[in-house]
Protein backbone atom coordinates (compact mmCIF):
# COMPACT_ATOMS: atom_id res chain seq x y z
CA MET A 1 0.00 0.00 0.00
CA GLY A 2 1.41 3.35 -0.95
CA LEU A 3 1.23 6.71 0.68
CA GLY A 4 -1.96 7.60 -1.18
CA GLY A 5 -3.74 4.49 0.10
CA CYS A 6 -2.75 5.31 3.67
CA ILE A 7 -4.08 8.83 3.35
CA ILE A 8 -7.35 7.48 1.93
CA LEU A 9 -7.65 5.12 4.92
CA ILE A 10 -7.17 8.02 7.30
CA ALA A 11 -9.75 10.13 5.45
CA VAL A 12 -12.37 7.36 5.29
CA GLY A 13 -11.81 6.56 8.96
CA ALA A 14 -12.23 10.21 9.93
CA ILE A 15 -15.43 10.45 7.89
CA LEU A 16 -16.86 7.32 9.50
CA THR A 17 -15.91 8.49 13.00
CA PHE A 18 -16.72 12.19 12.94
CA ALA A 19 -19.05 12.92 10.02
CA THR A 20 -21.65 10.17 10.06
CA ASP A 21 -24.52 9.33 12.35
CA TRP A 22 -25.44 5.99 10.81
CA HIS A 23 -26.32 3.13 13.09
CA MET A 24 -25.84 -0.43 11.94
CA GLN A 25 -26.82 -3.35 14.07
CA GLY A 26 -23.75 -5.26 15.23
CA VAL A 27 -21.23 -2.73 13.82
CA ASN A 28 -19.97 0.33 15.62
CA LEU A 29 -18.91 2.70 12.83
CA ASP A 30 -17.00 4.92 15.26
CA VAL A 31 -14.72 2.01 16.16
CA VAL A 32 -14.35 1.00 12.51
CA GLY A 33 -13.34 4.58 11.67
CA LEU A 34 -10.80 4.68 14.49
CA ILE A 35 -9.32 1.38 13.32
CA LEU A 36 -9.04 2.67 9.74
CA MET A 37 -7.34 5.86 10.93
CA ALA A 38 -4.89 3.87 13.08
CA VAL A 39 -4.04 1.55 10.19
CA GLY A 40 -3.54 4.57 7.92
CA ILE A 41 -1.23 6.28 10.41
CA ILE A 42 0.79 3.09 10.88
CA GLY A 43 1.01 2.78 7.09
CA VAL A 44 2.25 6.36 6.71
CA ALA A 45 4.90 5.77 9.40
CA THR A 46 6.01 2.52 7.76
CA PHE A 47 6.06 4.03 4.29
CA SER A 48 8.12 7.03 5.42
CA SER A 49 10.66 4.85 7.24
CA ILE A 50 11.07 2.60 4.19
CA ALA A 51 11.37 5.61 1.89
CA ARG A 52 14.01 7.11 4.18
CA ARG A 53 16.08 3.90 3.97
CA ARG A 54 15.86 3.83 0.18
CA ARG A 55 17.36 7.29 -0.11
CA VAL A 56 20.97 6.89 -1.14
CA MET A 57 23.43 9.47 0.01
CA VAL A 58 25.92 10.10 -2.77
CA PRO A 59 28.94 12.18 -1.83
CA PRO A 60 29.41 15.19 -4.06
CA ALA A 61 31.79 14.68 -6.94
CA ALA A 62 35.18 16.27 -6.59
CA THR A 63 35.58 19.28 -8.80
CA VAL A 64 38.13 18.94 -11.57
CA VAL A 65 40.47 21.87 -11.88
CA GLU A 66 42.10 22.20 -15.23
CA GLU A 67 45.16 24.26 -15.83
CA GLU A 68 44.59 27.36 -17.83
CA ARG A 69 46.27 27.04 -21.19
CA HIS A 70 48.02 30.04 -22.57
CA HIS A 71 47.61 30.46 -26.29
CA HIS A 72 50.15 32.37 -28.22
CA HIS A 73 48.36 34.71 -30.52
CA ARG A 74 49.96 36.33 -33.50
CA ASP A 75 48.08 39.26 -34.91
CA GLY A 76 44.80 37.98 -33.42
CA TYR A 77 44.95 34.61 -35.17
CA THR A 78 45.66 31.16 -33.82
CA ASP A 79 46.74 28.22 -35.92
CA GLY A 80 46.14 30.23 -39.04
CA TYR A 81 42.34 29.80 -38.92
CA GLY A 82 41.41 33.12 -37.41
CA VAL A 83 39.71 31.61 -34.38
C-alpha cells in the first residue's frame, strides 16, 4: 500500500468516525473509523521509514580543476584559422 492508500484510509476513517450518524446493528462505525485511521497512520509511518532507507546518500563529486592554457596569438589569429 502506498502513501496515497494510507491517506485514503485516514480520510475514510475520519469520515466514519466524525461525520456520520449511521447506526448499523452489530457494527460500531466509530470504532471501525478509528481502526481505519490507526491503520492509515501506521502505514504512513512505515512508508516514510522505508522511503528514508531507500534514499541513497551520494557524496558530491570532486571538482576537476584544469590548468589554464596560454595560447600564443599572433596578430589575433591562432593556428592560421582566425579563431
